[in-house]
Amino acid sequence: MTAPVRTQSQPRPPRLRRLGAGLAVGAVVLGGVLASGGTATAAATTAGNAKTGSPKAGELLDVTLDQLRPTQPAVGFDQIYYKLGRYTSTKDEANGDFNKRFDDWCETNGQEKAASVKPGARLSDASSFTCTVPVGKETAETRAAMKTVVVGPGGVLYLTDGHHSLTSFMEAPDGGPKTHIRLRVVDNLSGLSTAAFWKTMQENKWVWLRDENNRPITTDQLPQHLGLAYFHDDRYRSLVYFTRDIGYQAPDDAAEFLEFQWGTWLRERVDLGAYDLSAPASYLSAIRTASETMSATPGDTVIADGRTADELGRMKEWNNGKKATGGEFGKLSAPITDAKPGKLAYALDYRAAIPAAPACTKTVTGKHTGPLVVSSGVTCLDGTELTGPVVVGAGASLVAKGAAITGPVQAVGARTVQICGTSLTGPLSVVGTKERLTLSGPGCTPNTLKGPVQLVGNP
């Protein structure tokens, strides 16, 4: 099949507008698309899937991103930052191509790559661009590139591959939780009990139950939604991503969570604490050390879960036999000032634009019922389910990520207020923040705010 000539470039997507002082609105999603219903519950997911009957293995299922449950607790943030850096750059268009986000969406949707892009096209509006392979004309090759899902008890959809790609779509300025994507069904286990479901998931290696520090977790510790606010950052997962096609190449029959398996092995061989991962040269040095270690190890070495280096795609020649200035490592090394920057440059450039959250002096997790008064220091809500009012006093800070709050949130004269990936049922009032108010923007997962919002005199 010959792809259409790619001639039309797409303008850079508009950045989210800054929320002004004195804003008061009703139920909104901040940082993403407008919606009033919040993120999908298991019941809503079941209702949505009823239209398709009971999907079977191999079928394609059209979903929105907020319907999906992760099967891993962490992602490599820098891998996602690379995608977001490229998605919000105009370099692809300057090179006479479409922005990569449209190619990525088409590939993930089983449609190869972008064929045309209208002015003002958005990921959240699939009618604003087309792909080279029409819906219904997918091939075995294009289907193989799609991400996968398992249907669990109650019709809940568990993502088994594609956490990084779909989180990138979720976090993109023109994406968000209501962005549609098709997934390939691996199996339908909706008839199993919860215990039998998770037993089957573990037996088939469709779930990764280790945290960002390689410590074991339980299934009830898995995130409930996609988005950076719900995941923790596994630096070794990012490291492995950047070694792709330098130290390893993913085989056609790649194991699930292959990159995590390599990351587990590299933890004992590469100390990332010895590198400055905010400096390109130092980060590149870590990537080179890791990828050379991967290539140099004998192919029959067991890496993780009984799989050998060769089974996990070890490259026999580092950088495919090319010098460090050439091949994939050479491409990776290109700075952000180049016409075609390397992945690492995009990642670090995007990461530098994300406001740093203050260090937590108190972290609240799990379920909390009753008032929460933040009178000093930095209180962090990490995936917290909180029922009751939240009051942030003068000079204190609140950081909420992936939380669910039922009750009013009020901050007057706070030092910092950062709310990302949080569902708030109740009014939000933030007045006179001293340093920073963050409700949207780079690195901030869309919030669902179901209640009046008052923002006055905040920087």
Protein backbone atom coordinates (compact mmCIF):
# COMPACT_ATOMS: atom_id res chain seq x y z
CA MET A 1 0.00 0.00 0.00
CA THR A 2 1.38 3.41 -0.95
CA ALA A 3 0.83 6.09 1.65
CA PRO A 4 -0.46 9.48 0.48
CA VAL A 5 2.11 12.23 0.07
CA ARG A 6 2.44 14.12 3.35
CA THR A 7 2.39 17.77 2.41
CA GLN A 8 0.24 19.62 4.90
CA SER A 9 1.80 20.68 8.19
CA GLN A 10 -0.16 21.22 11.36
CA PRO A 11 0.19 24.29 13.60
CA ARG A 12 1.35 23.83 17.13
CA PRO A 13 -1.58 23.00 19.41
CA PRO A 14 -2.59 25.92 21.59
CA ARG A 15 -1.34 25.77 25.15
CA LEU A 16 -3.99 25.69 27.83
CA ARG A 17 -5.02 29.19 28.79
CA ARG A 18 -4.11 30.40 32.23
CA LEU A 19 -7.01 30.54 34.67
CA GLY A 20 -7.61 34.14 35.61
CA ALA A 21 -8.34 35.72 38.95
CA GLY A 22 -11.91 35.59 40.15
CA LEU A 23 -12.90 32.67 37.92
CA ALA A 24 -16.04 30.86 39.04
CA VAL A 25 -17.36 27.89 37.07
CA GLY A 26 -19.39 24.74 37.56
CA ALA A 27 -18.42 21.16 36.82
CA VAL A 28 -15.37 21.12 34.58
CA VAL A 29 -12.33 19.10 33.72
CA LEU A 30 -9.30 21.33 34.10
CA GLY A 31 -6.32 20.49 31.93
CA GLY A 32 -8.28 18.39 29.47
CA VAL A 33 -11.57 18.29 27.64
CA LEU A 34 -14.75 19.76 29.08
CA ALA A 35 -16.88 17.20 30.88
CA SER A 36 -19.27 17.14 33.79
CA GLY A 37 -19.57 13.46 34.61
CA GLY A 38 -16.09 12.79 36.01
CA THR A 39 -13.98 9.76 35.32
CA ALA A 40 -15.59 6.44 34.48
CA THR A 41 -16.61 4.09 37.25
CA ALA A 42 -16.76 0.33 36.86
CA ALA A 43 -20.52 0.57 36.34
CA ALA A 44 -20.13 3.22 33.66
CA THR A 45 -17.51 1.11 31.93
CA THR A 46 -19.83 -1.88 31.93
CA ALA A 47 -22.64 0.20 30.49
CA GLY A 48 -20.35 1.52 27.79
CA ASN A 49 -19.25 -1.96 26.83
CA ALA A 50 -22.80 -3.23 26.65
CA LYS A 51 -23.02 -1.73 23.18
CA THR A 52 -20.38 -4.19 22.00
CA GLY A 53 -21.89 -7.20 23.73
CA SER A 54 -19.25 -9.37 25.36
CA PRO A 55 -16.01 -8.68 23.47
CA LYS A 56 -13.93 -11.74 22.64
CA ALA A 57 -10.20 -12.22 22.28
CA GLY A 58 -8.96 -10.62 19.07
CA GLU A 59 -11.82 -8.16 18.74
CA LEU A 60 -11.20 -4.42 18.59
CA LEU A 61 -12.85 -2.29 21.24
CA ASP A 62 -13.40 1.48 20.99
CA VAL A 63 -12.94 3.14 24.38
CA THR A 64 -12.18 6.48 25.98
CA LEU A 65 -9.04 6.80 28.07
CA ASP A 66 -10.92 7.31 31.32
CA GLN A 67 -12.43 3.82 31.02
CA LEU A 68 -9.10 2.04 31.41
CA ARG A 69 -7.51 0.57 34.54
CA PRO A 70 -3.71 0.25 34.65
CA THR A 71 -1.98 -3.06 35.39
CA GLN A 72 1.27 -1.49 36.60
CA PRO A 73 1.95 1.06 39.36
CA ALA A 74 4.67 3.08 37.67
CA VAL A 75 5.77 4.43 34.30
CA GLY A 76 8.93 6.11 33.08
CA PHE A 77 8.06 9.80 33.26
CA ASP A 78 10.91 10.80 30.97
CA GLN A 79 9.56 8.56 28.20
CA ILE A 80 6.22 10.36 28.44
CA TYR A 81 7.96 13.74 28.67
CA TYR A 82 9.70 12.94 25.38
CA LYS A 83 6.35 12.31 23.71
CA LEU A 84 4.78 15.43 25.21
CA GLY A 85 7.79 17.54 24.33
CA ARG A 86 7.53 16.42 20.74
CA TYR A 87 3.74 16.73 20.64
CA THR A 88 3.93 20.38 21.72
CA SER A 89 6.86 21.26 19.46
CA THR A 90 6.65 22.62 15.91
CA LYS A 91 9.83 20.83 14.77
CA ASP A 92 7.98 18.05 12.94
CA GLU A 93 5.96 20.59 10.99
CA ALA A 94 9.10 22.61 10.23
CA ASN A 95 10.56 19.44 8.72
CA GLY A 96 7.54 19.11 6.41
CA ASP A 97 5.81 16.37 8.37
CA PHE A 98 2.72 15.99 10.52
CA ASN A 99 3.16 16.26 14.26
CA LYS A 100 4.12 12.89 15.69
CA ARG A 101 1.07 12.71 17.94
CA PHE A 102 -1.15 12.01 14.92
CA ASP A 103 1.15 9.24 13.66
CA ASP A 104 1.22 7.75 17.17
CA TRP A 105 -2.57 7.84 17.49
CA CYS A 106 -3.07 6.24 14.06
CA GLU A 107 -0.57 3.48 14.82
CA THR A 108 -2.13 2.79 18.20
CA ASN A 109 -5.58 2.73 16.59
CA GLY A 110 -4.45 0.07 14.08
CA GLN A 111 -4.33 2.52 11.18
CA GLU A 112 -0.59 2.79 10.47
CA LYS A 113 0.13 6.56 10.35
CA ALA A 114 -1.45 9.94 9.63
CA ALA A 115 -2.58 10.64 6.07
CA SER A 116 -4.08 14.13 6.43
CA VAL A 117 -4.42 16.67 9.22
CA LYS A 118 -6.88 19.56 9.18
CA PRO A 119 -5.94 22.97 10.58
CA GLY A 120 -6.71 22.96 14.30
CA ALA A 121 -6.85 19.15 14.45
CA ARG A 122 -7.02 17.60 17.91
CA LEU A 123 -6.33 14.13 19.27
CA SER A 124 -9.66 14.29 21.05
CA ASP A 125 -11.43 14.75 17.69
CA ALA A 126 -10.60 11.84 15.40
CA SER A 127 -12.66 13.44 12.62
CA SER A 128 -10.08 16.24 12.35
CA PHE A 129 -7.41 13.98 10.83
CA THR A 130 -7.23 10.76 8.81
CA CYS A 131 -4.95 7.72 8.82
CA THR A 132 -3.46 5.77 5.91
CA VAL A 133 -5.36 2.56 6.77
CA PRO A 134 -9.16 3.08 6.95
CA VAL A 135 -11.16 1.59 9.77
CA GLY A 136 -12.14 -1.94 8.78
CA LYS A 137 -9.09 -2.37 6.53
CA GLU A 138 -6.60 -3.21 9.26
CA THR A 139 -3.92 -5.79 8.48
CA ALA A 140 -2.22 -8.30 10.73
CA GLU A 141 0.73 -5.93 10.87
CA THR A 142 -1.27 -2.85 11.86
CA ARG A 143 -3.28 -4.83 14.41
CA ALA A 144 -0.05 -6.09 15.98
CA ALA A 145 0.93 -2.47 16.73
CA MET A 146 -2.26 -1.85 18.73
CA LYS A 147 -2.33 -1.79 22.53
CA THR A 148 -4.12 -4.52 24.44
CA VAL A 149 -6.79 -4.88 27.08
CA VAL A 150 -8.33 -7.63 29.21
CA VAL A 151 -12.01 -7.46 30.18
CA GLY A 152 -12.31 -8.08 33.89
CA PRO A 153 -15.17 -8.69 36.35
CA GLY A 154 -18.03 -6.25 35.88
CA GLY A 155 -16.80 -5.36 32.40
CA VAL A 156 -13.92 -3.26 33.76
CA LEU A 157 -11.17 -2.81 31.17
CA TYR A 158 -7.61 -3.55 32.26
CA LEU A 159 -4.87 -2.18 30.02
CA THR A 160 -2.09 -4.77 29.55
CA ASP A 161 0.08 -2.81 27.11
CA GLY A 162 0.31 0.86 26.17
CA HIS A 163 0.44 2.67 29.51
CA HIS A 164 3.04 5.12 28.22
CA SER A 165 1.40 5.80 24.86
CA LEU A 166 -2.09 6.29 26.26
CA THR A 167 -0.87 8.37 29.18
CA SER A 168 0.83 10.62 26.60
CA PHE A 169 -2.53 11.02 24.84
CA MET A 170 -4.19 11.72 28.18
CA GLU A 171 -1.65 14.42 29.10
CA ALA A 172 -1.44 16.06 25.65
CA PRO A 173 -3.02 19.56 25.53
CA ASP A 174 -5.41 18.40 22.79
CA GLY A 175 -6.07 14.98 24.29
CA GLY A 176 -7.58 14.25 27.69
CA PRO A 177 -9.70 11.61 29.41
CA LYS A 178 -12.43 11.52 26.74
CA THR A 179 -10.01 10.85 23.89
CA HIS A 180 -11.07 7.76 21.94
CA ILE A 181 -8.78 4.88 21.02
CA ARG A 182 -9.31 1.31 19.88
CA LEU A 183 -7.69 -1.57 21.73
CA ARG A 184 -7.24 -5.21 20.87
CA VAL A 185 -8.90 -7.57 23.35
CA VAL A 186 -6.49 -10.21 24.70
CA ASP A 187 -9.07 -12.10 26.72
CA ASN A 188 -12.47 -11.71 28.35
CA LEU A 189 -12.33 -12.76 32.01
CA SER A 190 -15.48 -10.94 33.05
CA GLY A 191 -17.08 -14.15 34.27
CA LEU A 192 -14.40 -14.81 36.90
CA SER A 193 -14.49 -13.82 40.54
CA THR A 194 -12.11 -11.05 41.55
CA ALA A 195 -9.70 -13.51 43.15
CA ALA A 196 -9.73 -15.84 40.14
CA PHE A 197 -9.31 -12.88 37.79
CA TRP A 198 -6.14 -11.65 39.45
CA LYS A 199 -4.78 -15.19 39.72
CA THR A 200 -5.24 -15.58 35.95
CA MET A 201 -3.72 -12.17 35.27
CA GLN A 202 -0.61 -13.08 37.24
CA GLU A 203 -0.31 -16.53 35.66
CA ASN A 204 -0.39 -14.94 32.20
CA LYS A 205 2.00 -12.14 33.25
CA TRP A 206 -0.58 -9.51 32.33
CA VAL A 207 0.08 -7.47 35.47
CA TRP A 208 3.28 -5.98 36.91
CA LEU A 209 3.19 -5.97 40.71
CA ARG A 210 6.39 -4.12 41.58
CA ASP A 211 6.66 -0.42 42.38
CA GLU A 212 9.08 2.22 41.10
CA ASN A 213 11.75 0.91 43.48
CA ASN A 214 11.17 -2.73 42.49
CA ARG A 215 9.34 -3.53 45.72
CA PRO A 216 6.36 -5.92 45.54
CA ILE A 217 2.84 -4.50 45.75
CA THR A 218 -0.64 -6.00 45.88
CA THR A 219 -3.32 -5.68 43.22
CA ASP A 220 -5.31 -3.23 45.34
CA GLN A 221 -2.34 -0.86 45.21
CA LEU A 222 -2.58 -0.49 41.43
CA PRO A 223 -3.73 2.93 40.13
CA GLN A 224 -7.38 3.32 39.23
CA HIS A 225 -6.82 5.57 36.22
CA LEU A 226 -4.31 6.57 33.56
CA GLY A 227 -2.37 9.81 34.01
CA LEU A 228 0.92 10.99 35.46
CA ALA A 229 -0.81 11.95 38.71
CA TYR A 230 -1.80 8.33 39.31
CA PHE A 231 1.55 6.71 38.50
CA HIS A 232 4.89 6.86 40.24
CA ASP A 233 8.07 7.49 38.27
CA ASP A 234 10.37 4.54 37.56
CA ARG A 235 13.65 6.05 36.35
CA TYR A 236 14.96 2.66 35.22
CA ARG A 237 11.94 2.20 32.99
CA SER A 238 12.84 5.45 31.23
CA LEU A 239 16.48 4.40 31.05
CA VAL A 240 15.55 1.21 29.23
CA TYR A 241 13.33 3.13 26.81
CA PHE A 242 16.26 5.30 25.77
CA THR A 243 18.45 2.21 25.17
CA ARG A 244 16.00 0.90 22.56
CA ASP A 245 17.76 0.06 19.27
CA ILE A 246 21.08 0.78 21.00
CA GLY A 247 21.35 -2.03 23.56
CA TYR A 248 18.21 -4.03 22.73
CA GLN A 249 15.52 -4.34 20.09
CA ALA A 250 12.04 -5.48 21.09
CA PRO A 251 11.42 -8.88 19.40
CA ASP A 252 8.22 -9.55 17.47
CA ASP A 253 7.01 -11.84 20.28
CA ALA A 254 8.09 -9.40 22.99
CA ALA A 255 7.25 -10.40 26.55
CA GLU A 256 4.75 -8.29 28.44
CA PHE A 257 6.51 -5.66 30.58
CA LEU A 258 9.80 -6.39 28.76
CA GLU A 259 11.25 -2.98 29.65
CA PHE A 260 10.52 -3.50 33.34
CA GLN A 261 12.39 -6.81 33.18
CA TRP A 262 15.46 -5.13 31.72
CA GLY A 263 15.07 -2.35 34.31
CA THR A 264 15.03 -4.87 37.16
CA TRP A 265 18.33 -6.29 35.91
CA LEU A 266 19.95 -2.89 35.35
CA ARG A 267 19.21 -1.70 38.90
CA GLU A 268 22.01 -3.92 40.17
CA ARG A 269 24.45 -2.78 37.48
CA VAL A 270 23.88 0.92 36.84
CA ASP A 271 23.61 3.35 39.76
CA LEU A 272 21.51 6.22 38.48
CA GLY A 273 22.31 8.11 41.67
CA ALA A 274 25.80 8.61 40.29
CA TYR A 275 24.47 10.61 37.33
CA ASP A 276 22.84 14.02 36.98
CA LEU A 277 19.69 13.16 35.06
CA SER A 278 18.90 16.83 34.49
CA ALA A 279 22.11 17.29 32.47
CA PRO A 280 22.08 15.88 28.92
CA ALA A 281 25.72 14.77 28.90
CA SER A 282 25.44 12.93 32.22
CA TYR A 283 22.12 11.31 31.26
CA LEU A 284 23.61 10.19 27.93
CA SER A 285 26.52 8.68 29.82
CA ALA A 286 24.08 6.63 31.92
CA ILE A 287 22.27 5.48 28.78
CA ARG A 288 25.55 4.48 27.13
CA THR A 289 26.69 2.55 30.19
CA ALA A 290 23.35 0.76 30.45
CA SER A 291 23.10 -0.10 26.75
CA GLU A 292 26.71 -1.30 26.57
CA THR A 293 26.07 -3.48 29.61
CA MET A 294 23.02 -4.97 27.91
CA SER A 295 24.88 -5.74 24.67
CA ALA A 296 27.96 -7.13 26.41
CA THR A 297 26.11 -9.66 28.54
CA PRO A 298 26.01 -13.24 27.15
CA GLY A 299 22.77 -13.98 25.31
CA ASP A 300 21.86 -16.92 27.55
CA THR A 301 22.02 -14.83 30.73
CA VAL A 302 18.72 -14.94 32.60
CA ILE A 303 17.57 -11.34 33.01
CA ALA A 304 14.20 -11.60 34.80
CA ASP A 305 11.18 -13.91 35.06
CA GLY A 306 13.21 -16.74 33.55
CA ARG A 307 13.83 -14.88 30.27
CA THR A 308 17.27 -14.58 28.77
CA ALA A 309 18.98 -11.54 27.31
CA ASP A 310 18.45 -12.85 23.79
CA GLU A 311 14.76 -13.50 24.47
CA LEU A 312 14.46 -9.89 25.61
CA GLY A 313 16.06 -8.59 22.42
CA ARG A 314 19.71 -8.06 23.36
CA MET A 315 21.68 -6.51 20.50
CA LYS A 316 24.89 -8.41 19.84
CA GLU A 317 26.58 -5.24 18.66
CA TRP A 318 26.17 -2.04 20.64
CA ASN A 319 24.47 0.70 18.61
CA ASN A 320 24.22 -1.82 15.76
CA GLY A 321 27.99 -1.71 15.29
CA LYS A 322 28.12 2.04 14.62
CA LYS A 323 30.21 4.69 16.36
CA ALA A 324 28.73 6.75 19.17
CA THR A 325 28.31 9.69 16.77
CA GLY A 326 26.16 7.60 14.43
CA GLY A 327 23.31 5.12 14.59
CA GLU A 328 20.52 5.44 17.14
CA PHE A 329 22.86 6.68 19.87
CA GLY A 330 23.95 9.51 17.61
CA LYS A 331 20.30 10.42 16.96
CA LEU A 332 19.54 10.25 20.68
CA SER A 333 22.41 12.67 21.39
CA ALA A 334 21.06 15.49 19.17
CA PRO A 335 20.37 18.63 21.28
CA ILE A 336 17.07 20.49 21.41
CA THR A 337 18.50 23.19 19.16
CA ASP A 338 18.83 20.74 16.25
CA ALA A 339 16.22 20.58 13.52
CA LYS A 340 15.63 16.99 14.65
CA PRO A 341 16.37 16.80 18.38
CA GLY A 342 16.94 13.45 20.08
CA LYS A 343 14.37 11.86 22.34
CA LEU A 344 16.36 12.75 25.43
CA ALA A 345 16.53 16.43 24.47
CA TYR A 346 12.76 16.59 24.03
CA ALA A 347 12.27 14.87 27.40
CA LEU A 348 14.57 17.17 29.35
CA ASP A 349 13.22 20.29 27.65
CA TYR A 350 9.65 19.35 28.56
CA ARG A 351 10.57 18.31 32.09
CA ALA A 352 12.22 21.70 32.67
CA ALA A 353 8.87 23.42 32.00
CA ILE A 354 7.06 21.49 34.76
CA PRO A 355 6.74 23.43 38.04
CA ALA A 356 8.54 21.57 40.80
CA ALA A 357 6.30 20.43 43.62
CA PRO A 358 7.50 21.30 47.13
CA ALA A 359 8.85 18.41 49.21
CA CYS A 360 6.18 16.69 51.29
CA THR A 361 6.41 17.03 55.05
CA LYS A 362 3.28 14.90 55.49
CA THR A 363 1.76 12.38 53.06
CA VAL A 364 -1.82 11.13 53.30
CA THR A 365 -2.69 7.92 51.44
CA GLY A 366 -5.61 5.48 51.47
CA LYS A 367 -8.98 6.55 52.87
CA HIS A 368 -9.41 9.54 55.17
CA THR A 369 -12.69 10.66 56.70
CA GLY A 370 -13.13 13.94 58.50
CA PRO A 371 -11.68 17.45 58.22
CA LEU A 372 -8.12 17.89 57.01
CA VAL A 373 -6.49 21.10 58.22
CA VAL A 374 -3.12 22.01 56.70
CA SER A 375 -1.72 24.64 59.04
CA SER A 376 1.99 24.36 58.21
CA GLY A 377 4.45 22.52 56.01
CA VAL A 378 3.52 20.62 52.83
CA THR A 379 0.73 18.06 52.98
CA CYS A 380 0.57 15.69 49.99
CA LEU A 381 -2.46 13.65 49.01
CA ASP A 382 -1.17 10.64 47.06
CA GLY A 383 -4.08 8.72 45.57
CA THR A 384 -6.08 9.60 48.69
CA GLU A 385 -9.83 9.06 49.02
CA LEU A 386 -10.82 11.88 51.34
CA THR A 387 -14.30 12.66 52.63
CA GLY A 388 -14.54 15.95 54.48
CA PRO A 389 -13.45 19.59 54.17
CA VAL A 390 -9.85 20.55 53.39
CA VAL A 391 -8.55 23.86 54.74
CA VAL A 392 -5.10 25.17 53.84
CA GLY A 393 -3.88 27.94 56.09
CA ALA A 394 -1.57 30.87 55.45
CA GLY A 395 1.96 29.82 54.52
CA ALA A 396 1.08 26.12 54.24
CA SER A 397 1.05 24.06 51.04
CA LEU A 398 -1.20 21.37 49.55
CA VAL A 399 -0.16 18.95 46.79
CA ALA A 400 -2.92 16.61 45.61
CA LYS A 401 -2.18 14.01 42.93
CA GLY A 402 -4.59 11.30 41.85
CA ALA A 403 -6.86 12.04 44.81
CA ALA A 404 -10.63 11.85 45.19
CA ILE A 405 -12.03 14.52 47.51
CA THR A 406 -15.65 14.78 48.58
CA GLY A 407 -16.08 18.08 50.37
CA PRO A 408 -14.98 21.71 50.03
CA VAL A 409 -11.35 22.73 49.54
CA GLN A 410 -10.37 26.20 50.75
CA ALA A 411 -6.96 27.87 50.72
CA VAL A 412 -6.32 31.46 51.84
CA GLY A 413 -2.81 32.86 51.75
CA ALA A 414 -1.30 29.42 51.13
CA ARG A 415 2.28 29.14 49.94
CA THR A 416 1.64 26.61 47.15
CA VAL A 417 -1.45 24.76 45.97
CA GLN A 418 -0.99 22.05 43.34
CA ILE A 419 -3.95 19.88 42.35
CA CYS A 420 -3.54 17.41 39.48
CA GLY A 421 -5.45 14.31 38.42
CA THR A 422 -7.90 14.87 41.25
CA SER A 423 -11.66 14.44 41.38
CA LEU A 424 -13.24 17.07 43.64
CA THR A 425 -16.92 16.94 44.51
CA GLY A 426 -17.51 20.22 46.24
CA PRO A 427 -16.46 23.86 45.95
CA LEU A 428 -12.85 24.92 45.39
CA SER A 429 -11.68 28.32 46.63
CA VAL A 430 -8.05 29.42 46.36
CA VAL A 431 -7.30 33.03 47.32
CA GLY A 432 -4.00 34.88 47.57
CA THR A 433 -1.53 32.04 47.00
CA LYS A 434 1.97 33.36 47.72
CA GLU A 435 4.11 31.32 45.32
CA ARG A 436 2.15 29.12 42.91
CA LEU A 437 -1.27 27.73 42.06
CA THR A 438 -1.19 24.78 39.66
CA LEU A 439 -4.41 23.25 38.35
CA SER A 440 -3.36 22.55 34.77
CA GLY A 441 -0.43 22.78 32.39
CA PRO A 442 2.63 20.63 31.63
CA GLY A 443 2.85 17.54 33.81
CA CYS A 444 -0.51 18.16 35.49
CA THR A 445 -3.08 15.45 34.76
CA PRO A 446 -6.59 16.84 34.08
CA ASN A 447 -8.75 17.39 37.16
CA THR A 448 -12.47 16.74 37.45
CA LEU A 449 -14.01 19.54 39.49
CA LYS A 450 -17.71 19.10 40.26
CA GLY A 451 -18.65 22.28 42.02
CA PRO A 452 -18.08 26.04 41.94
CA VAL A 453 -14.49 27.24 41.50
CA GLN A 454 -13.21 30.57 42.86
CA LEU A 455 -9.65 31.63 42.11
CA VAL A 456 -8.65 35.11 43.25
CA GLY A 457 -5.27 36.86 43.39
CA ASN A 458 -3.09 33.86 42.65
CA PRO A 459 0.22 34.01 40.73
